[in-house]
Protein backbone atom coordinates (compact mmCIF):
# COMPACT_ATOMS: atom_id res chain seq x y z
CA MET A 1 -5.30 -17.76 24.48
CA ASP A 2 -3.73 -19.85 27.50
CA LYS A 3 -2.80 -23.31 25.82
CA LYS A 4 -3.05 -24.89 29.43
CA GLU A 5 -6.53 -24.26 29.88
CA ILE A 6 -9.03 -26.68 29.92
CA LEU A 7 -13.00 -26.74 30.66
CA VAL A 8 -14.62 -29.89 31.89
CA VAL A 9 -18.51 -29.84 31.74
CA ASP A 10 -20.46 -32.95 32.81
CA ASP A 11 -23.04 -33.17 35.60
CA GLU A 12 -21.68 -36.27 36.83
CA MET A 13 -19.75 -35.34 39.50
CA SER A 14 -17.48 -38.88 39.18
CA VAL A 15 -16.76 -37.92 35.74
CA ARG A 16 -15.47 -34.26 36.37
CA SER A 17 -13.64 -35.37 39.11
CA VAL A 18 -11.83 -38.20 36.99
CA LEU A 19 -10.83 -35.91 33.84
CA THR A 20 -9.81 -33.11 36.19
CA GLN A 21 -7.69 -35.33 38.20
CA VAL A 22 -6.28 -36.67 35.08
CA LEU A 23 -5.72 -33.48 33.24
CA GLU A 24 -4.20 -31.65 36.28
CA LYS A 25 -1.65 -34.56 36.25
CA ASP A 26 -0.48 -34.04 32.87
CA GLY A 27 0.03 -30.51 33.85
CA TYR A 28 -3.36 -28.77 32.77
CA THR A 29 -5.25 -25.86 34.42
CA VAL A 30 -8.58 -27.46 34.64
CA THR A 31 -11.87 -25.38 35.30
CA ALA A 32 -15.14 -27.75 35.97
CA ALA A 33 -18.69 -27.38 35.26
CA ALA A 34 -21.68 -29.35 36.28
CA SER A 35 -23.97 -27.93 33.04
CA GLY A 36 -23.72 -26.45 29.92
CA GLU A 37 -24.93 -23.38 31.41
CA GLN A 38 -22.54 -23.25 34.09
CA GLY A 39 -19.60 -23.73 31.00
CA LEU A 40 -20.83 -21.29 29.10
CA GLU A 41 -20.93 -18.98 31.83
CA PHE A 42 -17.25 -19.66 32.20
CA LEU A 43 -16.70 -19.14 28.70
CA GLY A 44 -17.62 -15.60 29.31
CA GLN A 45 -14.67 -15.12 31.66
CA LYS A 46 -11.57 -16.22 29.65
CA ALA A 47 -10.62 -18.23 26.84
CA PHE A 48 -10.16 -21.76 26.97
CA ALA A 49 -7.72 -24.17 24.38
CA LEU A 50 -9.76 -27.00 24.97
CA VAL A 51 -13.36 -28.04 26.14
CA ILE A 52 -14.24 -31.67 26.91
CA SER A 53 -17.88 -31.73 27.32
CA ASP A 54 -20.72 -34.75 27.85
CA ILE A 55 -23.22 -34.97 25.09
CA LYS A 56 -25.91 -35.63 27.14
CA MET A 57 -26.54 -33.18 30.08
CA PRO A 58 -29.72 -31.81 31.63
CA GLY A 59 -30.58 -28.48 29.98
CA MET A 60 -27.94 -27.32 27.51
CA ASN A 61 -26.36 -30.60 26.13
CA GLY A 62 -23.23 -30.80 24.63
CA LEU A 63 -24.12 -30.03 20.79
CA GLU A 64 -25.78 -27.09 21.99
CA LEU A 65 -22.60 -26.36 24.02
CA LEU A 66 -20.39 -27.14 21.08
CA LYS A 67 -22.10 -24.73 18.39
CA GLU A 68 -21.78 -21.99 21.29
CA VAL A 69 -18.13 -22.67 21.64
CA LYS A 70 -17.59 -22.58 17.96
CA GLU A 71 -19.44 -19.14 17.57
CA ARG A 72 -17.74 -17.81 20.41
CA CYS A 73 -14.36 -19.15 20.12
CA PRO A 74 -13.45 -20.43 16.21
CA ASP A 75 -10.26 -21.79 17.89
CA THR A 76 -11.27 -23.78 20.83
CA GLN A 77 -11.03 -27.66 20.14
CA VAL A 78 -13.94 -29.85 21.83
CA ILE A 79 -14.03 -33.32 22.84
CA ILE A 80 -17.37 -34.80 23.07
CA ILE A 81 -17.80 -37.69 26.04
CA THR A 82 -20.42 -40.15 24.73
CA SER A 83 -21.63 -43.80 25.08
CA PHE A 84 -21.52 -46.65 23.06
CA ALA A 85 -25.61 -45.80 22.88
CA SER A 86 -25.25 -42.39 21.73
CA LEU A 87 -22.37 -42.95 19.10
CA GLU A 88 -24.35 -41.80 16.34
CA THR A 89 -24.54 -38.43 18.06
CA ALA A 90 -21.21 -38.01 18.81
CA LEU A 91 -20.61 -38.49 15.07
CA GLU A 92 -23.21 -35.89 14.51
CA ALA A 93 -20.91 -33.81 16.75
CA LEU A 94 -17.97 -34.11 15.05
CA ARG A 95 -19.73 -33.06 11.68
CA ASN A 96 -20.29 -29.62 13.73
CA GLY A 97 -16.61 -29.17 14.58
CA ALA A 98 -16.08 -31.37 17.46
CA TYR A 99 -12.70 -32.20 17.51
CA ASP A 100 -12.70 -35.91 18.89
CA TYR A 101 -14.86 -37.98 21.33
CA LEU A 102 -14.24 -39.87 24.46
CA LEU A 103 -16.23 -43.11 25.30
CA LYS A 104 -17.37 -43.80 28.79
CA PRO A 105 -17.08 -45.52 30.76
CA PHE A 106 -13.17 -44.69 30.66
CA GLU A 107 -11.67 -48.08 30.20
CA ASP A 108 -7.49 -46.45 29.91
CA LEU A 109 -7.29 -43.16 31.45
CA SER A 110 -4.42 -42.67 29.10
CA ILE A 111 -7.00 -42.20 26.24
CA ILE A 112 -8.14 -38.92 28.21
CA SER A 113 -4.60 -37.68 27.91
CA ALA A 114 -3.56 -38.46 24.49
CA GLY A 115 -7.32 -36.90 23.37
CA ALA A 116 -6.21 -33.75 25.07
CA LYS A 117 -2.58 -33.90 24.12
CA ARG A 118 -3.50 -34.19 20.45
CA ALA A 119 -6.40 -31.52 20.80
CA ILE A 120 -3.78 -28.82 22.62
CA GLU A 121 -1.36 -29.33 19.54
CA LYS A 122 -3.76 -28.59 16.98
CA VAL A 123 -4.44 -25.40 19.11
CA CYS A 124 -0.84 -24.58 18.95
CA LEU A 125 -0.72 -25.36 15.26
CA ILE A 126 -3.81 -23.25 14.53
CA ASP A 127 -1.37 -20.33 16.68
CA GLU A 128 1.86 -20.67 14.88
CA ASN A 129 0.08 -20.76 11.37
CA ARG A 130 -1.81 -17.65 12.31
CA LYS A 131 1.28 -16.21 13.45
CA LEU A 132 3.06 -17.07 10.36
CA LEU A 133 0.57 -15.73 7.99
CA ASN A 134 0.31 -12.42 10.31
CA SER A 135 4.36 -12.35 9.19
CA LEU A 136 3.99 -13.31 5.76
CA GLN A 137 1.54 -10.58 5.61
CA LYS A 138 3.86 -8.04 7.19
CA LYS A 139 6.50 -9.38 4.84
CA ASN A 140 4.71 -8.93 1.73
CA ALA A 141 3.26 -5.31 2.63
CA GLU A 142 6.80 -4.24 3.33
CA ILE A 143 7.73 -5.79 -0.22
CA LEU A 144 4.87 -4.10 -2.11
CA SER A 145 6.12 -1.03 -0.02
CA ALA A 146 9.85 -1.44 -1.32
CA ASN A 147 8.55 -2.27 -4.82
CA LYS A 148 6.21 0.91 -4.61
CA ILE A 149 9.23 3.29 -3.49
CA LEU A 150 11.43 1.10 -6.29
CA ASN A 151 9.13 1.98 -8.77
CA GLN A 152 8.91 5.70 -8.27
CA MET A 153 12.68 5.67 -7.97
CA ALA A 154 12.79 4.18 -11.61
CA CYS A 155 10.84 6.79 -12.99
CA ARG A 156 12.35 9.97 -10.94
CA ASP A 157 15.05 11.94 -11.65
CA SER A 158 17.67 11.50 -8.64
CA LEU A 159 18.83 14.97 -8.62
CA THR A 160 15.50 16.84 -8.60
CA GLY A 161 12.72 14.34 -7.68
CA LEU A 162 11.03 15.37 -11.01
CA TYR A 163 9.80 12.57 -13.37
CA ASN A 164 12.57 11.27 -15.70
CA HIS A 165 13.06 11.49 -19.28
CA GLN A 166 11.82 7.93 -19.81
CA TYR A 167 8.63 8.57 -17.66
CA PHE A 168 8.22 11.75 -19.88
CA GLN A 169 8.22 9.94 -22.98
CA ASP A 170 6.05 7.00 -21.84
CA TYR A 171 3.67 9.34 -20.61
CA LEU A 172 3.33 11.43 -23.63
CA LYS A 173 2.78 8.49 -25.82
CA ALA A 174 -0.17 7.71 -23.46
CA GLU A 175 -1.63 11.24 -23.89
CA ILE A 176 -1.54 11.13 -27.30
CA LYS A 177 -3.82 7.98 -27.55
CA ARG A 178 -6.05 9.27 -24.67
CA CYS A 179 -6.03 13.03 -26.67
CA GLN A 180 -6.94 10.64 -29.78
CA ARG A 181 -9.27 8.35 -28.30
CA THR A 182 -11.58 11.32 -26.34
CA ASN A 183 -11.08 13.86 -28.90
CA ARG A 184 -9.07 16.27 -26.64
CA LEU A 185 -6.07 18.40 -26.46
CA PHE A 186 -2.80 19.02 -24.63
CA SER A 187 0.18 21.35 -24.61
CA LEU A 188 3.63 20.95 -23.94
CA LEU A 189 5.86 23.11 -22.50
CA PHE A 190 10.04 22.91 -23.29
CA PHE A 191 12.26 24.74 -20.49
CA ASP A 192 15.67 25.64 -21.08
CA LEU A 193 17.58 27.53 -18.66
CA ASP A 194 19.61 30.81 -19.83
CA HIS A 195 23.42 30.76 -19.61
CA PHE A 196 23.57 27.86 -16.90
CA LYS A 197 27.00 27.03 -18.51
CA CYS A 198 27.90 30.58 -17.11
CA TYR A 199 26.32 29.76 -13.85
CA ASN A 200 28.36 26.35 -13.39
CA ASP A 201 31.52 27.99 -14.45
CA ASN A 202 30.89 31.31 -11.89
CA ASN A 203 29.56 29.19 -9.08
CA GLY A 204 30.64 25.63 -9.57
CA HIS A 205 28.31 22.62 -10.19
CA GLN A 206 27.44 21.85 -6.85
CA MET A 207 25.73 25.34 -6.83
CA GLY A 208 24.19 24.49 -10.23
CA ASP A 209 22.77 21.07 -8.83
CA ARG A 210 20.83 22.97 -6.03
CA LEU A 211 20.03 25.81 -8.72
CA LEU A 212 18.15 22.82 -10.43
CA SER A 213 16.58 21.32 -7.83
CA GLN A 214 15.28 24.79 -6.67
CA LEU A 215 13.75 25.12 -9.82
CA ALA A 216 12.36 21.88 -9.88
CA GLY A 217 10.55 22.59 -6.72
CA ILE A 218 8.88 26.22 -8.40
CA MET A 219 7.73 24.48 -11.55
CA ARG A 220 6.23 21.48 -9.10
CA ASP A 221 4.51 23.70 -6.64
CA TYR A 222 3.28 25.77 -9.33
CA VAL A 223 1.58 23.38 -11.67
CA ARG A 224 -1.60 21.62 -11.53
CA GLU A 225 -1.66 17.99 -9.77
CA SER A 226 -2.75 17.06 -13.30
CA ASP A 227 0.58 18.00 -15.12
CA ILE A 228 3.50 16.21 -15.60
CA VAL A 229 6.60 18.02 -14.99
CA ALA A 230 9.78 15.97 -15.81
CA ARG A 231 13.68 16.89 -16.36
CA TYR A 232 14.40 15.85 -20.02
CA GLY A 233 17.93 16.48 -19.88
CA GLY A 234 20.67 18.62 -18.37
CA GLU A 235 18.99 22.08 -17.50
CA GLU A 236 15.99 20.95 -19.89
CA PHE A 237 12.83 20.39 -18.50
CA VAL A 238 9.31 19.55 -19.73
CA VAL A 239 5.69 20.36 -18.63
CA ILE A 240 2.70 18.36 -20.29
CA LEU A 241 -0.64 20.28 -19.54
CA PRO A 242 -3.57 18.06 -20.17
CA ASP A 243 -6.66 19.80 -21.66
CA THR A 244 -4.81 22.93 -21.90
CA PRO A 245 -5.12 25.01 -25.61
CA LYS A 246 -1.86 26.92 -26.77
CA LYS A 247 -3.43 30.29 -25.04
CA GLY A 248 -3.95 28.64 -21.54
CA ALA A 249 -0.23 27.04 -21.93
CA GLU A 250 0.98 30.79 -23.11
CA ILE A 251 -0.31 32.21 -19.55
CA VAL A 252 1.15 29.35 -17.68
CA ALA A 253 4.66 29.59 -19.53
CA GLU A 254 4.60 32.98 -19.11
CA LYS A 255 3.73 33.19 -15.41
CA LEU A 256 6.38 30.56 -14.73
CA ARG A 257 9.15 32.46 -16.77
CA ILE A 258 8.32 35.56 -14.32
CA LYS A 259 8.26 33.64 -11.23
CA ILE A 260 12.07 32.19 -12.34
CA GLU A 261 13.45 35.35 -13.21
CA ASN A 262 12.32 37.06 -9.93
CA TYR A 263 13.46 34.31 -7.82
CA PRO A 264 16.62 34.71 -5.59
CA PHE A 265 18.47 32.08 -6.77
CA ASP A 266 21.91 31.88 -5.04
CA GLY A 267 24.89 33.42 -7.43
CA CYS A 268 22.49 34.56 -9.87
CA GLU A 269 24.15 38.04 -9.56
CA SER A 270 27.19 36.22 -11.94
CA GLN A 271 24.50 35.80 -14.52
CA PRO A 272 24.65 38.31 -17.54
CA GLU A 273 21.69 40.14 -16.86
CA GLY A 274 22.36 39.52 -12.76
CA ARG A 275 19.36 37.27 -12.67
CA VAL A 276 18.58 33.48 -13.82
CA THR A 277 15.75 32.97 -16.43
CA ALA A 278 14.38 30.27 -18.84
CA SER A 279 13.58 30.39 -22.54
CA ILE A 280 10.28 28.38 -22.95
CA GLY A 281 8.87 27.00 -25.86
CA ILE A 282 5.22 25.64 -26.39
CA ALA A 283 3.66 23.46 -28.88
CA SER A 284 0.16 21.90 -28.76
CA TYR A 285 -1.72 18.89 -29.74
CA PRO A 286 -3.09 18.21 -32.45
CA GLU A 287 -2.03 21.42 -34.11
CA ASP A 288 1.55 21.04 -33.68
CA GLY A 289 1.72 17.40 -34.61
CA THR A 290 -0.20 14.42 -33.89
CA ASP A 291 3.02 12.19 -32.44
CA ARG A 292 5.70 12.63 -30.17
CA SER A 293 8.60 13.23 -32.30
CA ALA A 294 6.50 16.22 -33.73
CA ILE A 295 5.27 17.57 -30.52
CA ILE A 296 8.71 17.33 -28.64
CA ARG A 297 10.57 18.70 -32.14
CA ASN A 298 7.93 21.73 -32.53
CA ALA A 299 8.37 22.47 -28.68
CA ASP A 300 12.21 22.19 -29.02
CA VAL A 301 12.59 24.61 -32.01
CA ALA A 302 9.94 27.25 -30.40
CA MET A 303 12.37 26.97 -27.40
CA TYR A 304 15.14 27.85 -29.36
CA SER A 305 13.26 30.39 -31.11
CA ALA A 306 12.75 32.17 -27.80
CA LYS A 307 16.34 31.87 -27.28
CA ASN A 308 17.80 33.28 -30.29
CA SER A 309 14.79 35.99 -29.70
CA GLY A 310 16.80 37.32 -26.77
CA ARG A 311 16.21 34.76 -24.19
CA ASN A 312 14.07 35.22 -20.96
CA ARG A 313 11.01 34.66 -23.30
CA ILE A 314 8.34 32.21 -24.41
CA CYS A 315 7.53 31.44 -27.91
CA SER A 316 4.83 29.15 -29.56
CA THR A 317 5.03 27.43 -32.78
CA ALA A 318 1.51 27.59 -34.23
CA VAL A 319 1.41 31.62 -34.10
CA ASN A 320 5.26 32.11 -34.23
CA GLU A 321 5.12 35.10 -31.84
CA ASP A 322 7.32 35.81 -28.94
CA VAL A 323 5.66 37.08 -25.78
CA ASP A 324 8.45 39.36 -24.18
CA SER A 325 9.52 39.42 -20.81
CA PRO A 326 8.60 42.96 -19.31
């Protein structure tokens, strides 16, 4: 909307002429209409910052034009021209959204300039407020986006991109409460890479970090979206499998174990078996414990049982059986 555009609507040519001369002298661009209908036609062609309209005109009167202006262009200000005899009608126009009114005959033409100036200033203020609001909304969106990233960073492991230890603990606590409330179950896998110190000693810690990142990618791509994969610490990882009984968890763990031992990690030839392998322990809720400490402890014990039984295998606590690698 051009802040210099003003529409003057009056059926009297003399009034239109006076208003046009005063407003153009003030630097505004004025379009003059001889009726409400013609003014409405001009409004359909472009936007005006201000409409100055007589209140009494043949056909469409000023109140009707005011209603149309406010419906089409809510930000456009309207000044009604009236006489002392129609002052009550002017007050009605103010109640319906008119910015101000002018009394005719015009005894002081400066009143026209002052009224137009104030109305245009209001239009500018509305525009500035809208721009400020849009700017604030944009900044709020940026802040929300930044906070989202920070929240994600706070619960993610910086090396692997998996959930971190704290997030795992919080989620496990919530999962136990969910299962207690709904009488459901879940299983926990506890991973540990075999001979990881040997891998680091032979290949260097940078390659060791790369291996951990690759392993994280394998686990993340393999499990379901509802499963939670986290780095527990060092070369240890955990997977929470909601609504998964122990037998189902054993199948998942065995497939992951095979996937890992067959993956062509760089430097795997330096490992004792010429490949990277993992030992996996399994514990299930509620059969292996009903609190976090018990579930984690039993999964950890099962993982060490897998280690002590020769590594590169899975072990589940309740049945106390190993599923050997082929």
